[in-house]
Amino acid sequence: MSNSIDQLAEGGRGIKLMWQIADELRYTRTLDGRNCLALSKSYEVEGCSRSQNIKKASALDGLMNLFKSWDWQNQIEQEEELHDSFVKQISLQVNTDVNALTTVLEWFEQLQDLSLPNKVWFLLQLALAEGFTNAVRHAHKNLPVETPVQLDIMVFNGRLEFKVWDCGPSFDFDAKLKEIIGADRKPRLDLEVLNDPCWVPSRATTLELSQFLVAG
């Protein structure tokens, strides 16, 4: 197994695969000279509908809630508010070292008890690994190993967002996406295999480091 960033295979799949997985993929340059690649993914909570996630209250509480929301909040707005309700946030900072991917994946396991569908869990694990490896291999290619990569994950009820922060130079993200879309006649081709439920590993399965050495 190669540990050298310079020896990793060219023509990686990082941003392309993240774009395929994400409902929304954003890139911003901050005032302090960092880059933030943010991915958002929505999902249905397993075992219950959004409306069933509302905790049962007493009869009096129910009447009071009904009275408070009757005039200015319809059912759709209530479901949207519930959908965006905050569940959990975790953060991690690691060095610019491709071997730190093991730490990143172990950190992601903190979310294993949440109601993430198995397929969504695997896709997010994959996207996170690709985003981290992309930061190490490209953004920090010529920077010291001590240069930090910051990872943040925020989980809402039915939606998850994660951000990968790097200290590398800025790049034209929009142009890169146009290149990816223009070259990809079948944008979902790389992920078609995931339609087979037998292929998707169980939540307990953690992807191996060697699977991401060609990412970026």
C-alpha atoms as a PDB file:
ATOM      1  CA  MET A   1       0.000   0.000   0.000  1.00  0.00           C
ATOM      2  CA  SER A   2       1.390   3.402  -0.945  1.00  0.00           C
ATOM      3  CA  ASN A   3       1.382   6.116   1.706  1.00  0.00           C
ATOM      4  CA  SER A   4       2.767   8.839  -0.553  1.00  0.00           C
ATOM      5  CA  ILE A   5       0.252  11.403  -1.730  1.00  0.00           C
ATOM      6  CA  ASP A   6       2.252  11.993  -4.913  1.00  0.00           C
ATOM      7  CA  GLN A   7       2.003   8.292  -5.812  1.00  0.00           C
ATOM      8  CA  LEU A   8      -1.787   8.149  -5.643  1.00  0.00           C
ATOM      9  CA  ALA A   9      -3.469   7.490  -8.970  1.00  0.00           C
ATOM     10  CA  GLU A  10      -4.352  10.475 -11.159  1.00  0.00           C
ATOM     11  CA  GLY A  11      -7.823  11.095 -12.525  1.00  0.00           C
ATOM     12  CA  GLY A  12      -9.546  10.415  -9.205  1.00  0.00           C
ATOM     13  CA  ARG A  13     -13.244  10.526  -8.554  1.00  0.00           C
ATOM     14  CA  GLY A  14     -13.598  12.728  -5.464  1.00  0.00           C
ATOM     15  CA  ILE A  15     -15.707  15.733  -6.491  1.00  0.00           C
ATOM     16  CA  LYS A  16     -17.409  13.792  -9.274  1.00  0.00           C
ATOM     17  CA  LEU A  17     -18.615  11.089  -6.903  1.00  0.00           C
ATOM     18  CA  MET A  18     -19.603  13.594  -4.218  1.00  0.00           C
ATOM     19  CA  TRP A  19     -21.659  15.478  -6.811  1.00  0.00           C
ATOM     20  CA  GLN A  20     -23.425  12.258  -7.761  1.00  0.00           C
ATOM     21  CA  ILE A  21     -24.272  11.490  -4.138  1.00  0.00           C
ATOM     22  CA  ALA A  22     -25.268  14.962  -2.960  1.00  0.00           C
ATOM     23  CA  ASP A  23     -28.615  16.702  -3.174  1.00  0.00           C
ATOM     24  CA  GLU A  24     -26.575  19.896  -2.978  1.00  0.00           C
ATOM     25  CA  LEU A  25     -22.808  20.442  -3.236  1.00  0.00           C
ATOM     26  CA  ARG A  26     -21.341  23.851  -2.410  1.00  0.00           C
ATOM     27  CA  TYR A  27     -17.864  25.366  -2.351  1.00  0.00           C
ATOM     28  CA  THR A  28     -16.925  28.610  -0.615  1.00  0.00           C
ATOM     29  CA  ARG A  29     -13.712  30.517   0.101  1.00  0.00           C
ATOM     30  CA  THR A  30     -13.678  32.015   3.603  1.00  0.00           C
ATOM     31  CA  LEU A  31     -12.183  35.319   4.706  1.00  0.00           C
ATOM     32  CA  ASP A  32      -9.502  33.517   6.714  1.00  0.00           C
ATOM     33  CA  GLY A  33      -8.167  31.836   3.556  1.00  0.00           C
ATOM     34  CA  ARG A  34      -9.766  28.421   3.927  1.00  0.00           C
ATOM     35  CA  ASN A  35     -11.942  26.448   1.537  1.00  0.00           C
ATOM     36  CA  CYS A  36     -15.179  24.744   2.542  1.00  0.00           C
ATOM     37  CA  LEU A  37     -16.699  21.936   0.495  1.00  0.00           C
ATOM     38  CA  ALA A  38     -20.204  21.260   1.816  1.00  0.00           C
ATOM     39  CA  LEU A  39     -22.521  18.376   0.959  1.00  0.00           C
ATOM     40  CA  SER A  40     -26.211  18.101   1.839  1.00  0.00           C
ATOM     41  CA  LYS A  41     -28.238  14.885   1.605  1.00  0.00           C
ATOM     42  CA  SER A  42     -31.908  14.311   2.484  1.00  0.00           C
ATOM     43  CA  TYR A  43     -33.375  10.973   3.514  1.00  0.00           C
ATOM     44  CA  GLU A  44     -36.512   9.402   4.933  1.00  0.00           C
ATOM     45  CA  VAL A  45     -36.303   8.401   8.587  1.00  0.00           C
ATOM     46  CA  GLU A  46     -36.523   4.620   8.853  1.00  0.00           C
ATOM     47  CA  GLY A  47     -39.517   3.045  10.556  1.00  0.00           C
ATOM     48  CA  CYS A  48     -41.738   6.105  10.713  1.00  0.00           C
ATOM     49  CA  SER A  49     -42.936   9.090   8.766  1.00  0.00           C
ATOM     50  CA  ARG A  50     -41.933  12.611   9.652  1.00  0.00           C
ATOM     51  CA  SER A  51     -45.267  13.316  11.288  1.00  0.00           C
ATOM     52  CA  GLN A  52     -44.821  10.251  13.524  1.00  0.00           C
ATOM     53  CA  ASN A  53     -41.609  11.693  14.918  1.00  0.00           C
ATOM     54  CA  ILE A  54     -43.545  14.305  16.894  1.00  0.00           C
ATOM     55  CA  LYS A  55     -43.525  13.222  20.531  1.00  0.00           C
ATOM     56  CA  LYS A  56     -46.915  12.557  22.071  1.00  0.00           C
ATOM     57  CA  ALA A  57     -47.912  15.240  24.522  1.00  0.00           C
ATOM     58  CA  SER A  58     -50.702  15.477  27.007  1.00  0.00           C
ATOM     59  CA  ALA A  59     -54.194  16.387  25.847  1.00  0.00           C
ATOM     60  CA  LEU A  60     -53.742  19.895  27.176  1.00  0.00           C
ATOM     61  CA  ASP A  61     -50.394  20.329  25.440  1.00  0.00           C
ATOM     62  CA  GLY A  62     -51.939  19.094  22.219  1.00  0.00           C
ATOM     63  CA  LEU A  63     -54.748  21.608  22.418  1.00  0.00           C
ATOM     64  CA  MET A  64     -52.329  24.427  23.194  1.00  0.00           C
ATOM     65  CA  ASN A  65     -50.079  23.501  20.274  1.00  0.00           C
ATOM     66  CA  LEU A  66     -53.081  23.328  17.979  1.00  0.00           C
ATOM     67  CA  PHE A  67     -54.263  26.748  19.145  1.00  0.00           C
ATOM     68  CA  LYS A  68     -50.799  28.288  18.694  1.00  0.00           C
ATOM     69  CA  SER A  69     -50.350  26.962  15.163  1.00  0.00           C
ATOM     70  CA  TRP A  70     -53.924  27.156  13.871  1.00  0.00           C
ATOM     71  CA  ASP A  71     -53.838  30.596  12.279  1.00  0.00           C
ATOM     72  CA  TRP A  72     -50.324  30.922  10.885  1.00  0.00           C
ATOM     73  CA  GLN A  73     -48.769  27.520  10.300  1.00  0.00           C
ATOM     74  CA  ASN A  74     -50.178  24.926   7.925  1.00  0.00           C
ATOM     75  CA  GLN A  75     -49.307  21.222   7.850  1.00  0.00           C
ATOM     76  CA  ILE A  76     -46.639  21.576   5.157  1.00  0.00           C
ATOM     77  CA  GLU A  77     -44.832  24.277   7.111  1.00  0.00           C
ATOM     78  CA  GLN A  78     -44.957  22.157  10.255  1.00  0.00           C
ATOM     79  CA  GLU A  79     -43.476  19.168   8.431  1.00  0.00           C
ATOM     80  CA  GLU A  80     -40.719  21.343   6.972  1.00  0.00           C
ATOM     81  CA  GLU A  81     -39.921  22.667  10.456  1.00  0.00           C
ATOM     82  CA  LEU A  82     -39.808  19.114  11.810  1.00  0.00           C
ATOM     83  CA  HIS A  83     -37.703  17.990   8.864  1.00  0.00           C
ATOM     84  CA  ASP A  84     -35.082  20.605   9.696  1.00  0.00           C
ATOM     85  CA  SER A  85     -35.067  19.951  13.443  1.00  0.00           C
ATOM     86  CA  PHE A  86     -31.533  19.567  14.771  1.00  0.00           C
ATOM     87  CA  VAL A  87     -30.421  16.122  15.957  1.00  0.00           C
ATOM     88  CA  LYS A  88     -26.636  16.022  16.397  1.00  0.00           C
ATOM     89  CA  GLN A  89     -23.367  17.722  15.458  1.00  0.00           C
ATOM     90  CA  ILE A  90     -19.846  16.268  15.513  1.00  0.00           C
ATOM     91  CA  SER A  91     -16.464  17.723  14.508  1.00  0.00           C
ATOM     92  CA  LEU A  92     -12.973  16.383  13.879  1.00  0.00           C
ATOM     93  CA  GLN A  93      -9.589  17.855  12.956  1.00  0.00           C
ATOM     94  CA  VAL A  94      -6.809  15.693  11.506  1.00  0.00           C
ATOM     95  CA  ASN A  95      -3.450  16.213   9.834  1.00  0.00           C
ATOM     96  CA  THR A  96      -2.845  16.106   6.113  1.00  0.00           C
ATOM     97  CA  ASP A  97      -2.169  12.376   6.058  1.00  0.00           C
ATOM     98  CA  VAL A  98      -4.028   9.903   3.860  1.00  0.00           C
ATOM     99  CA  ASN A  99      -3.717   7.311   6.637  1.00  0.00           C
ATOM    100  CA  ALA A 100      -5.879   9.546   8.855  1.00  0.00           C
ATOM    101  CA  LEU A 101      -8.808   8.257   6.787  1.00  0.00           C
ATOM    102  CA  THR A 102      -9.067   5.392   9.284  1.00  0.00           C
ATOM    103  CA  THR A 103      -9.617   7.945  12.051  1.00  0.00           C
ATOM    104  CA  VAL A 104     -12.174   9.796   9.905  1.00  0.00           C
ATOM    105  CA  LEU A 105     -14.213   6.654   9.271  1.00  0.00           C
ATOM    106  CA  GLU A 106     -14.093   5.644  12.942  1.00  0.00           C
ATOM    107  CA  TRP A 107     -15.279   9.147  13.864  1.00  0.00           C
ATOM    108  CA  PHE A 108     -18.203   8.803  11.430  1.00  0.00           C
ATOM    109  CA  GLU A 109     -19.302   5.691  13.355  1.00  0.00           C
ATOM    110  CA  GLN A 110     -20.641   8.004  16.073  1.00  0.00           C
ATOM    111  CA  LEU A 111     -23.731   8.373  13.895  1.00  0.00           C
ATOM    112  CA  GLN A 112     -24.467   4.647  13.686  1.00  0.00           C
ATOM    113  CA  ASP A 113     -27.325   4.811  16.192  1.00  0.00           C
ATOM    114  CA  LEU A 114     -29.238   7.455  14.226  1.00  0.00           C
ATOM    115  CA  SER A 115     -32.126   6.590  11.915  1.00  0.00           C
ATOM    116  CA  LEU A 116     -30.128   6.704   8.690  1.00  0.00           C
ATOM    117  CA  PRO A 117     -31.226   4.208   6.016  1.00  0.00           C
ATOM    118  CA  ASN A 118     -28.490   1.701   5.242  1.00  0.00           C
ATOM    119  CA  LYS A 119     -27.969   2.909   1.670  1.00  0.00           C
ATOM    120  CA  VAL A 120     -27.786   6.549   2.757  1.00  0.00           C
ATOM    121  CA  TRP A 121     -25.322   5.606   5.508  1.00  0.00           C
ATOM    122  CA  PHE A 122     -23.012   3.937   3.009  1.00  0.00           C
ATOM    123  CA  LEU A 123     -23.229   6.793   0.472  1.00  0.00           C
ATOM    124  CA  LEU A 124     -22.429   9.399   3.114  1.00  0.00           C
ATOM    125  CA  GLN A 125     -19.529   7.321   4.420  1.00  0.00           C
ATOM    126  CA  LEU A 126     -18.220   7.092   0.872  1.00  0.00           C
ATOM    127  CA  ALA A 127     -18.689  10.813   0.165  1.00  0.00           C
ATOM    128  CA  LEU A 128     -16.967  11.779   3.409  1.00  0.00           C
ATOM    129  CA  ALA A 129     -13.978   9.569   2.586  1.00  0.00           C
ATOM    130  CA  GLU A 130     -13.781  11.032  -0.919  1.00  0.00           C
ATOM    131  CA  GLY A 131     -14.018  14.599   0.389  1.00  0.00           C
ATOM    132  CA  PHE A 132     -11.256  14.059   2.944  1.00  0.00           C
ATOM    133  CA  THR A 133      -8.984  12.267   0.482  1.00  0.00           C
ATOM    134  CA  ASN A 134      -9.568  15.013  -2.087  1.00  0.00           C
ATOM    135  CA  ALA A 135      -8.463  17.653   0.441  1.00  0.00           C
ATOM    136  CA  VAL A 136      -5.318  15.692   1.321  1.00  0.00           C
ATOM    137  CA  ARG A 137      -4.345  14.790  -2.213  1.00  0.00           C
ATOM    138  CA  HIS A 138      -5.154  18.039  -4.006  1.00  0.00           C
ATOM    139  CA  ALA A 139      -5.739  21.025  -1.713  1.00  0.00           C
ATOM    140  CA  HIS A 140      -2.848  20.167   0.638  1.00  0.00           C
ATOM    141  CA  LYS A 141      -0.554  18.435  -1.837  1.00  0.00           C
ATOM    142  CA  ASN A 142       2.389  20.807  -1.293  1.00  0.00           C
ATOM    143  CA  LEU A 143       1.621  21.749   2.311  1.00  0.00           C
ATOM    144  CA  PRO A 144       3.163  20.358   5.543  1.00  0.00           C
ATOM    145  CA  VAL A 145       1.599  17.242   7.025  1.00  0.00           C
ATOM    146  CA  GLU A 146       0.660  19.300  10.097  1.00  0.00           C
ATOM    147  CA  THR A 147      -1.762  21.361   7.993  1.00  0.00           C
ATOM    148  CA  PRO A 148      -5.200  20.624   9.472  1.00  0.00           C
ATOM    149  CA  VAL A 149      -8.252  19.273   7.685  1.00  0.00           C
ATOM    150  CA  GLN A 150     -11.435  20.156   9.558  1.00  0.00           C
ATOM    151  CA  LEU A 151     -14.558  17.992   9.282  1.00  0.00           C
ATOM    152  CA  ASP A 152     -18.024  18.930  10.523  1.00  0.00           C
ATOM    153  CA  ILE A 153     -21.249  16.910  10.337  1.00  0.00           C
ATOM    154  CA  MET A 154     -24.687  18.227  11.268  1.00  0.00           C
ATOM    155  CA  VAL A 155     -27.638  15.842  11.380  1.00  0.00           C
ATOM    156  CA  PHE A 156     -31.210  17.078  11.129  1.00  0.00           C
ATOM    157  CA  ASN A 157     -34.404  15.075  11.085  1.00  0.00           C
ATOM    158  CA  GLY A 158     -34.341  13.775   7.514  1.00  0.00           C
ATOM    159  CA  ARG A 159     -31.258  15.664   6.328  1.00  0.00           C
ATOM    160  CA  LEU A 160     -27.505  15.512   6.880  1.00  0.00           C
ATOM    161  CA  GLU A 161     -24.830  18.070   6.032  1.00  0.00           C
ATOM    162  CA  PHE A 162     -21.090  17.673   6.211  1.00  0.00           C
ATOM    163  CA  LYS A 163     -18.299  20.139   5.526  1.00  0.00           C
ATOM    164  CA  VAL A 164     -14.659  19.566   4.662  1.00  0.00           C
ATOM    165  CA  TRP A 165     -12.427  22.560   5.434  1.00  0.00           C
ATOM    166  CA  ASP A 166      -8.950  22.822   3.902  1.00  0.00           C
ATOM    167  CA  CYS A 167      -6.190  25.450   3.804  1.00  0.00           C
ATOM    168  CA  GLY A 168      -5.217  25.064   0.157  1.00  0.00           C
ATOM    169  CA  PRO A 169      -5.471  27.564  -2.703  1.00  0.00           C
ATOM    170  CA  SER A 170      -8.871  28.398  -4.113  1.00  0.00           C
ATOM    171  CA  PHE A 171     -10.028  26.865  -7.385  1.00  0.00           C
ATOM    172  CA  ASP A 172     -12.852  27.354  -9.859  1.00  0.00           C
ATOM    173  CA  PHE A 173     -15.412  24.939  -8.446  1.00  0.00           C
ATOM    174  CA  ASP A 174     -18.143  25.921 -10.919  1.00  0.00           C
ATOM    175  CA  ALA A 175     -15.845  25.256 -13.861  1.00  0.00           C
ATOM    176  CA  LYS A 176     -14.922  21.856 -12.402  1.00  0.00           C
ATOM    177  CA  LEU A 177     -18.586  20.899 -12.053  1.00  0.00           C
ATOM    178  CA  LYS A 178     -19.299  21.988 -15.632  1.00  0.00           C
ATOM    179  CA  GLU A 179     -16.390  19.812 -16.777  1.00  0.00           C
ATOM    180  CA  ILE A 180     -17.736  16.834 -14.820  1.00  0.00           C
ATOM    181  CA  ILE A 181     -21.295  17.260 -16.083  1.00  0.00           C
ATOM    182  CA  GLY A 182     -20.188  17.838 -19.656  1.00  0.00           C
ATOM    183  CA  ALA A 183     -18.022  14.713 -19.690  1.00  0.00           C
ATOM    184  CA  ASP A 184     -20.585  12.514 -17.973  1.00  0.00           C
ATOM    185  CA  ARG A 185     -23.352  11.468 -20.360  1.00  0.00           C
ATOM    186  CA  LYS A 186     -24.858   9.234 -17.671  1.00  0.00           C
ATOM    187  CA  PRO A 187     -24.390  11.259 -14.450  1.00  0.00           C
ATOM    188  CA  ARG A 188     -25.529   8.442 -12.175  1.00  0.00           C
ATOM    189  CA  LEU A 189     -23.575   5.658 -13.832  1.00  0.00           C
ATOM    190  CA  ASP A 190     -21.011   5.244 -11.041  1.00  0.00           C
ATOM    191  CA  LEU A 191     -23.749   4.672  -8.466  1.00  0.00           C
ATOM    192  CA  GLU A 192     -26.120   2.437 -10.440  1.00  0.00           C
ATOM    193  CA  VAL A 193     -24.707  -0.628  -8.712  1.00  0.00           C
ATOM    194  CA  LEU A 194     -26.062   0.664  -5.403  1.00  0.00           C
ATOM    195  CA  ASN A 195     -29.588  -0.031  -6.616  1.00  0.00           C
ATOM    196  CA  ASP A 196     -28.868  -3.638  -5.748  1.00  0.00           C
ATOM    197  CA  PRO A 197     -29.536  -3.964  -1.994  1.00  0.00           C
ATOM    198  CA  CYS A 198     -27.326  -7.042  -1.830  1.00  0.00           C
ATOM    199  CA  TRP A 199     -24.291  -4.935  -2.787  1.00  0.00           C
ATOM    200  CA  VAL A 200     -24.670  -2.274  -0.101  1.00  0.00           C
ATOM    201  CA  PRO A 201     -22.789  -3.303   3.052  1.00  0.00           C
ATOM    202  CA  SER A 202     -24.467  -3.293   6.449  1.00  0.00           C
ATOM    203  CA  ARG A 203     -24.027  -0.301   8.716  1.00  0.00           C
ATOM    204  CA  ALA A 204     -21.522  -2.176  10.842  1.00  0.00           C
ATOM    205  CA  THR A 205     -19.191  -2.452   7.855  1.00  0.00           C
ATOM    206  CA  THR A 206     -16.453   0.194   7.709  1.00  0.00           C
ATOM    207  CA  LEU A 207     -14.818   0.827   4.361  1.00  0.00           C
ATOM    208  CA  GLU A 208     -11.163  -0.094   4.136  1.00  0.00           C
ATOM    209  CA  LEU A 209      -8.459   2.540   3.612  1.00  0.00           C
ATOM    210  CA  SER A 210      -7.225   0.814   0.454  1.00  0.00           C
ATOM    211  CA  GLN A 211     -10.560   1.485  -1.250  1.00  0.00           C
ATOM    212  CA  PHE A 212      -9.887   5.221  -1.308  1.00  0.00           C
ATOM    213  CA  LEU A 213      -6.271   5.438  -2.446  1.00  0.00           C
ATOM    214  CA  VAL A 214      -7.456   6.357  -5.951  1.00  0.00           C
ATOM    215  CA  ALA A 215      -9.853   9.033  -4.726  1.00  0.00           C
ATOM    216  CA  GLY A 216      -9.448  12.720  -5.302  1.00  0.00           C
END
